N, C-alpha and C. Protein backbone atom coordinates (compact mmCIF):
# COMPACT_ATOMS: atom_id res chain seq x y z
N MET A 1 -49.01 -82.62 36.31
CA MET A 1 -48.12 -81.54 36.72
C MET A 1 -46.89 -81.45 35.82
N LYS A 2 -46.42 -82.61 35.31
CA LYS A 2 -45.22 -82.59 34.47
C LYS A 2 -45.41 -81.73 33.23
N ASP A 3 -46.57 -81.82 32.58
CA ASP A 3 -46.82 -80.98 31.40
C ASP A 3 -46.86 -79.51 31.79
N PHE A 4 -47.40 -79.23 32.96
CA PHE A 4 -47.49 -77.85 33.44
C PHE A 4 -46.10 -77.26 33.66
N VAL A 5 -45.15 -78.08 34.12
CA VAL A 5 -43.78 -77.62 34.32
C VAL A 5 -43.20 -77.09 33.01
N TRP A 6 -43.44 -77.79 31.91
CA TRP A 6 -42.89 -77.35 30.62
C TRP A 6 -43.55 -76.05 30.16
N LEU A 7 -44.83 -75.86 30.49
CA LEU A 7 -45.49 -74.58 30.17
C LEU A 7 -44.88 -73.45 30.99
N ILE A 8 -44.56 -73.73 32.24
CA ILE A 8 -43.88 -72.73 33.08
C ILE A 8 -42.51 -72.41 32.48
N PHE A 9 -41.79 -73.41 32.02
CA PHE A 9 -40.48 -73.19 31.41
C PHE A 9 -40.62 -72.34 30.14
N VAL A 10 -41.64 -72.59 29.34
CA VAL A 10 -41.86 -71.78 28.13
C VAL A 10 -42.10 -70.32 28.52
N ALA A 11 -42.98 -70.09 29.49
CA ALA A 11 -43.26 -68.73 29.92
C ALA A 11 -42.01 -68.08 30.50
N ALA A 12 -41.26 -68.81 31.33
CA ALA A 12 -40.04 -68.26 31.93
C ALA A 12 -39.01 -67.91 30.86
N ALA A 13 -38.84 -68.79 29.89
CA ALA A 13 -37.86 -68.53 28.82
C ALA A 13 -38.25 -67.30 28.01
N CYS A 14 -39.54 -67.16 27.71
CA CYS A 14 -39.99 -65.97 26.98
C CYS A 14 -39.73 -64.70 27.78
N LEU A 15 -40.01 -64.75 29.07
CA LEU A 15 -39.76 -63.59 29.94
C LEU A 15 -38.26 -63.29 30.03
N GLU A 16 -37.45 -64.33 30.16
CA GLU A 16 -36.01 -64.12 30.29
C GLU A 16 -35.42 -63.53 29.01
N MET A 17 -35.79 -64.07 27.87
CA MET A 17 -35.29 -63.53 26.60
C MET A 17 -35.75 -62.09 26.39
N THR A 18 -37.01 -61.81 26.71
CA THR A 18 -37.54 -60.46 26.57
C THR A 18 -36.83 -59.49 27.51
N GLY A 19 -36.67 -59.89 28.76
CA GLY A 19 -35.98 -59.04 29.73
C GLY A 19 -34.55 -58.75 29.31
N ASP A 20 -33.85 -59.78 28.84
CA ASP A 20 -32.47 -59.58 28.36
C ASP A 20 -32.44 -58.60 27.19
N ALA A 21 -33.38 -58.75 26.27
CA ALA A 21 -33.42 -57.86 25.10
C ALA A 21 -33.70 -56.41 25.51
N ILE A 22 -34.58 -56.22 26.48
CA ILE A 22 -34.92 -54.87 26.94
C ILE A 22 -33.71 -54.23 27.64
N VAL A 23 -33.04 -54.99 28.50
CA VAL A 23 -31.83 -54.47 29.16
C VAL A 23 -30.78 -54.12 28.11
N ARG A 24 -30.62 -55.00 27.15
CA ARG A 24 -29.64 -54.77 26.08
C ARG A 24 -29.93 -53.47 25.34
N ARG A 25 -31.21 -53.22 25.05
CA ARG A 25 -31.58 -51.97 24.38
C ARG A 25 -31.23 -50.77 25.26
N GLY A 26 -31.51 -50.89 26.55
CA GLY A 26 -31.18 -49.81 27.48
C GLY A 26 -29.69 -49.53 27.54
N LEU A 27 -28.88 -50.57 27.53
CA LEU A 27 -27.43 -50.41 27.60
C LEU A 27 -26.86 -49.84 26.30
N ARG A 28 -27.58 -49.99 25.23
CA ARG A 28 -27.09 -49.52 23.92
C ARG A 28 -27.77 -48.24 23.49
N GLY A 29 -28.03 -47.40 24.47
CA GLY A 29 -28.53 -46.07 24.14
C GLY A 29 -29.98 -45.81 24.49
N GLY A 30 -30.68 -46.79 24.99
CA GLY A 30 -32.09 -46.60 25.31
C GLY A 30 -32.32 -45.87 26.62
N GLY A 31 -31.38 -45.97 27.52
CA GLY A 31 -31.47 -45.24 28.77
C GLY A 31 -31.90 -46.10 29.95
N LEU A 32 -31.91 -45.44 31.10
CA LEU A 32 -32.18 -46.10 32.37
C LEU A 32 -33.58 -46.71 32.46
N ALA A 33 -34.57 -46.06 31.86
CA ALA A 33 -35.93 -46.60 31.93
C ALA A 33 -36.01 -47.98 31.27
N TRP A 34 -35.32 -48.15 30.15
CA TRP A 34 -35.30 -49.45 29.48
C TRP A 34 -34.62 -50.49 30.36
N ILE A 35 -33.51 -50.11 30.98
CA ILE A 35 -32.78 -51.04 31.84
C ILE A 35 -33.65 -51.46 33.02
N LEU A 36 -34.30 -50.52 33.66
CA LEU A 36 -35.16 -50.85 34.81
C LEU A 36 -36.36 -51.69 34.37
N GLY A 37 -36.93 -51.39 33.21
CA GLY A 37 -38.02 -52.20 32.69
C GLY A 37 -37.58 -53.63 32.43
N GLY A 38 -36.39 -53.79 31.85
CA GLY A 38 -35.84 -55.12 31.62
C GLY A 38 -35.60 -55.87 32.92
N CYS A 39 -35.13 -55.15 33.93
CA CYS A 39 -34.93 -55.78 35.24
C CYS A 39 -36.25 -56.27 35.83
N ALA A 40 -37.31 -55.52 35.64
CA ALA A 40 -38.62 -55.94 36.13
C ALA A 40 -39.09 -57.20 35.42
N VAL A 41 -38.87 -57.27 34.12
CA VAL A 41 -39.25 -58.47 33.37
C VAL A 41 -38.41 -59.66 33.82
N LEU A 42 -37.12 -59.43 34.05
CA LEU A 42 -36.26 -60.52 34.54
C LEU A 42 -36.69 -61.00 35.92
N ALA A 43 -37.14 -60.09 36.77
CA ALA A 43 -37.66 -60.51 38.08
C ALA A 43 -38.90 -61.38 37.90
N SER A 44 -39.74 -61.05 36.93
CA SER A 44 -40.94 -61.87 36.71
C SER A 44 -40.58 -63.26 36.18
N TYR A 45 -39.48 -63.34 35.40
CA TYR A 45 -38.99 -64.65 34.97
C TYR A 45 -38.60 -65.48 36.20
N ALA A 46 -37.87 -64.87 37.13
CA ALA A 46 -37.40 -65.60 38.32
C ALA A 46 -38.57 -66.09 39.16
N LEU A 47 -39.59 -65.26 39.28
CA LEU A 47 -40.78 -65.68 40.03
C LEU A 47 -41.47 -66.85 39.33
N ARG A 48 -41.53 -66.78 38.01
CA ARG A 48 -42.21 -67.83 37.24
C ARG A 48 -41.45 -69.15 37.34
N VAL A 49 -40.15 -69.15 37.07
CA VAL A 49 -39.41 -70.41 37.03
C VAL A 49 -39.35 -71.05 38.41
N ASN A 50 -39.30 -70.24 39.46
CA ASN A 50 -39.23 -70.81 40.81
C ASN A 50 -40.58 -71.28 41.34
N ALA A 51 -41.63 -71.16 40.53
CA ALA A 51 -42.92 -71.74 40.88
C ALA A 51 -42.86 -73.27 40.81
N VAL A 52 -41.87 -73.79 40.08
CA VAL A 52 -41.68 -75.25 39.98
C VAL A 52 -41.04 -75.71 41.29
N ARG A 53 -41.63 -76.68 41.93
CA ARG A 53 -41.20 -77.14 43.25
C ARG A 53 -40.21 -78.30 43.16
N TRP A 54 -39.10 -78.07 42.47
CA TRP A 54 -38.03 -79.05 42.41
C TRP A 54 -36.87 -78.55 43.26
N ASP A 55 -35.92 -79.45 43.58
CA ASP A 55 -34.67 -79.01 44.19
C ASP A 55 -34.05 -77.96 43.27
N PHE A 56 -33.44 -76.95 43.87
CA PHE A 56 -32.91 -75.83 43.08
C PHE A 56 -31.92 -76.28 42.01
N SER A 57 -31.00 -77.18 42.37
CA SER A 57 -29.99 -77.61 41.40
C SER A 57 -30.63 -78.32 40.21
N LYS A 58 -31.63 -79.14 40.46
CA LYS A 58 -32.32 -79.81 39.36
C LYS A 58 -33.12 -78.81 38.54
N LEU A 59 -33.83 -77.92 39.22
CA LEU A 59 -34.65 -76.93 38.53
C LEU A 59 -33.81 -76.09 37.58
N ILE A 60 -32.75 -75.49 38.08
CA ILE A 60 -31.95 -74.60 37.24
C ILE A 60 -31.18 -75.40 36.20
N GLY A 61 -30.69 -76.58 36.54
CA GLY A 61 -29.98 -77.40 35.57
C GLY A 61 -30.85 -77.76 34.37
N VAL A 62 -32.06 -78.19 34.62
CA VAL A 62 -32.97 -78.55 33.53
C VAL A 62 -33.43 -77.29 32.79
N TYR A 63 -33.73 -76.23 33.53
CA TYR A 63 -34.18 -74.99 32.89
C TYR A 63 -33.09 -74.39 32.00
N VAL A 64 -31.83 -74.46 32.43
CA VAL A 64 -30.74 -73.92 31.60
C VAL A 64 -30.71 -74.64 30.25
N ALA A 65 -30.88 -75.95 30.26
CA ALA A 65 -30.91 -76.69 29.00
C ALA A 65 -32.11 -76.26 28.15
N PHE A 66 -33.26 -76.11 28.78
CA PHE A 66 -34.45 -75.68 28.05
C PHE A 66 -34.25 -74.27 27.49
N PHE A 67 -33.70 -73.38 28.33
CA PHE A 67 -33.49 -72.00 27.90
C PHE A 67 -32.48 -71.93 26.75
N ALA A 68 -31.43 -72.72 26.81
CA ALA A 68 -30.45 -72.74 25.72
C ALA A 68 -31.12 -73.15 24.41
N MET A 69 -31.96 -74.18 24.48
CA MET A 69 -32.67 -74.62 23.29
C MET A 69 -33.60 -73.52 22.78
N ALA A 70 -34.37 -72.92 23.66
CA ALA A 70 -35.31 -71.86 23.26
C ALA A 70 -34.56 -70.68 22.65
N SER A 71 -33.42 -70.32 23.22
CA SER A 71 -32.66 -69.17 22.72
C SER A 71 -32.11 -69.43 21.32
N VAL A 72 -31.53 -70.60 21.11
CA VAL A 72 -30.97 -70.91 19.80
C VAL A 72 -32.08 -71.00 18.76
N LEU A 73 -33.20 -71.64 19.11
CA LEU A 73 -34.31 -71.73 18.16
C LEU A 73 -34.91 -70.36 17.87
N CYS A 74 -35.00 -69.51 18.86
CA CYS A 74 -35.49 -68.15 18.65
C CYS A 74 -34.55 -67.38 17.73
N GLY A 75 -33.26 -67.49 17.97
CA GLY A 75 -32.28 -66.83 17.11
C GLY A 75 -32.39 -67.30 15.67
N ARG A 76 -32.56 -68.59 15.49
CA ARG A 76 -32.61 -69.16 14.14
C ARG A 76 -33.92 -68.85 13.43
N PHE A 77 -35.05 -69.10 14.08
CA PHE A 77 -36.32 -69.04 13.37
C PHE A 77 -37.08 -67.72 13.54
N VAL A 78 -36.87 -67.00 14.62
CA VAL A 78 -37.55 -65.72 14.81
C VAL A 78 -36.69 -64.58 14.30
N LEU A 79 -35.41 -64.58 14.71
CA LEU A 79 -34.51 -63.50 14.31
C LEU A 79 -33.79 -63.78 13.00
N LYS A 80 -34.00 -64.98 12.45
CA LYS A 80 -33.42 -65.38 11.16
C LYS A 80 -31.89 -65.34 11.15
N GLU A 81 -31.27 -65.67 12.28
CA GLU A 81 -29.82 -65.69 12.37
C GLU A 81 -29.28 -66.99 11.79
N ASN A 82 -28.06 -66.91 11.28
CA ASN A 82 -27.38 -68.11 10.80
C ASN A 82 -26.66 -68.74 11.99
N VAL A 83 -27.14 -69.87 12.43
CA VAL A 83 -26.56 -70.55 13.60
C VAL A 83 -25.53 -71.55 13.09
N PRO A 84 -24.27 -71.38 13.50
CA PRO A 84 -23.22 -72.28 13.01
C PRO A 84 -23.34 -73.69 13.59
N PRO A 85 -22.77 -74.67 12.88
CA PRO A 85 -22.83 -76.05 13.36
C PRO A 85 -22.26 -76.23 14.77
N SER A 86 -21.24 -75.46 15.12
CA SER A 86 -20.67 -75.60 16.46
C SER A 86 -21.68 -75.23 17.54
N THR A 87 -22.56 -74.27 17.25
CA THR A 87 -23.59 -73.91 18.22
C THR A 87 -24.60 -75.03 18.36
N TRP A 88 -25.00 -75.66 17.25
CA TRP A 88 -25.93 -76.78 17.33
C TRP A 88 -25.31 -77.93 18.12
N LEU A 89 -24.03 -78.19 17.89
CA LEU A 89 -23.33 -79.25 18.62
C LEU A 89 -23.29 -78.93 20.12
N GLY A 90 -22.91 -77.70 20.45
CA GLY A 90 -22.89 -77.28 21.84
C GLY A 90 -24.26 -77.39 22.49
N LEU A 91 -25.30 -77.02 21.74
CA LEU A 91 -26.67 -77.13 22.25
C LEU A 91 -27.00 -78.59 22.56
N GLY A 92 -26.58 -79.49 21.68
CA GLY A 92 -26.80 -80.91 21.94
C GLY A 92 -26.14 -81.39 23.22
N VAL A 93 -24.94 -80.89 23.48
CA VAL A 93 -24.23 -81.25 24.72
C VAL A 93 -25.00 -80.70 25.93
N ILE A 94 -25.46 -79.45 25.84
CA ILE A 94 -26.21 -78.85 26.95
C ILE A 94 -27.51 -79.62 27.20
N ILE A 95 -28.22 -79.96 26.14
CA ILE A 95 -29.47 -80.72 26.30
C ILE A 95 -29.19 -82.09 26.91
N ALA A 96 -28.11 -82.74 26.47
CA ALA A 96 -27.74 -84.03 27.07
C ALA A 96 -27.51 -83.87 28.57
N GLY A 97 -26.85 -82.80 28.96
CA GLY A 97 -26.64 -82.54 30.38
C GLY A 97 -27.96 -82.34 31.11
N GLY A 98 -28.88 -81.60 30.51
CA GLY A 98 -30.19 -81.40 31.11
C GLY A 98 -30.95 -82.70 31.29
N LEU A 99 -30.84 -83.58 30.30
CA LEU A 99 -31.51 -84.89 30.40
C LEU A 99 -30.89 -85.74 31.51
N ILE A 100 -29.57 -85.66 31.65
CA ILE A 100 -28.93 -86.39 32.75
C ILE A 100 -29.40 -85.87 34.09
N ILE A 101 -29.50 -84.54 34.22
CA ILE A 101 -29.99 -83.95 35.47
C ILE A 101 -31.43 -84.37 35.73
N GLN A 102 -32.26 -84.32 34.69
CA GLN A 102 -33.68 -84.62 34.85
C GLN A 102 -33.93 -86.09 35.19
N PHE A 103 -33.26 -86.99 34.50
CA PHE A 103 -33.60 -88.40 34.63
C PHE A 103 -32.57 -89.24 35.37
N GLY A 104 -31.47 -88.60 35.80
CA GLY A 104 -30.44 -89.32 36.54
C GLY A 104 -30.95 -89.68 37.93
N GLY A 105 -30.34 -90.66 38.52
CA GLY A 105 -30.74 -91.10 39.86
C GLY A 105 -30.28 -90.13 40.92
N LYS A 106 -30.75 -90.37 42.12
CA LYS A 106 -30.36 -89.51 43.24
C LYS A 106 -29.05 -89.92 43.83
């Protein structure tokens, strides 16, 4: 099941990034249909990520770290953006927090 959780996170992150991009296009001149379409994709992200049966605080805490990593890597390698060192450092802090949430005691 643990490996399946990471596949769910990958799918959720892809849906969340896509939904955000669609809403962004709608807000920047694409119109209401784009915004509503993006909202539908974002709803599907929420359904996907909540399929993981963890406590909500742990689920979202770990997912936020995963999503931050996916977003920065997508910006760097898919969108070919120049990611500054401060962003990589911040990402490391976020991932460290996610690891503490994931593996910390109760």
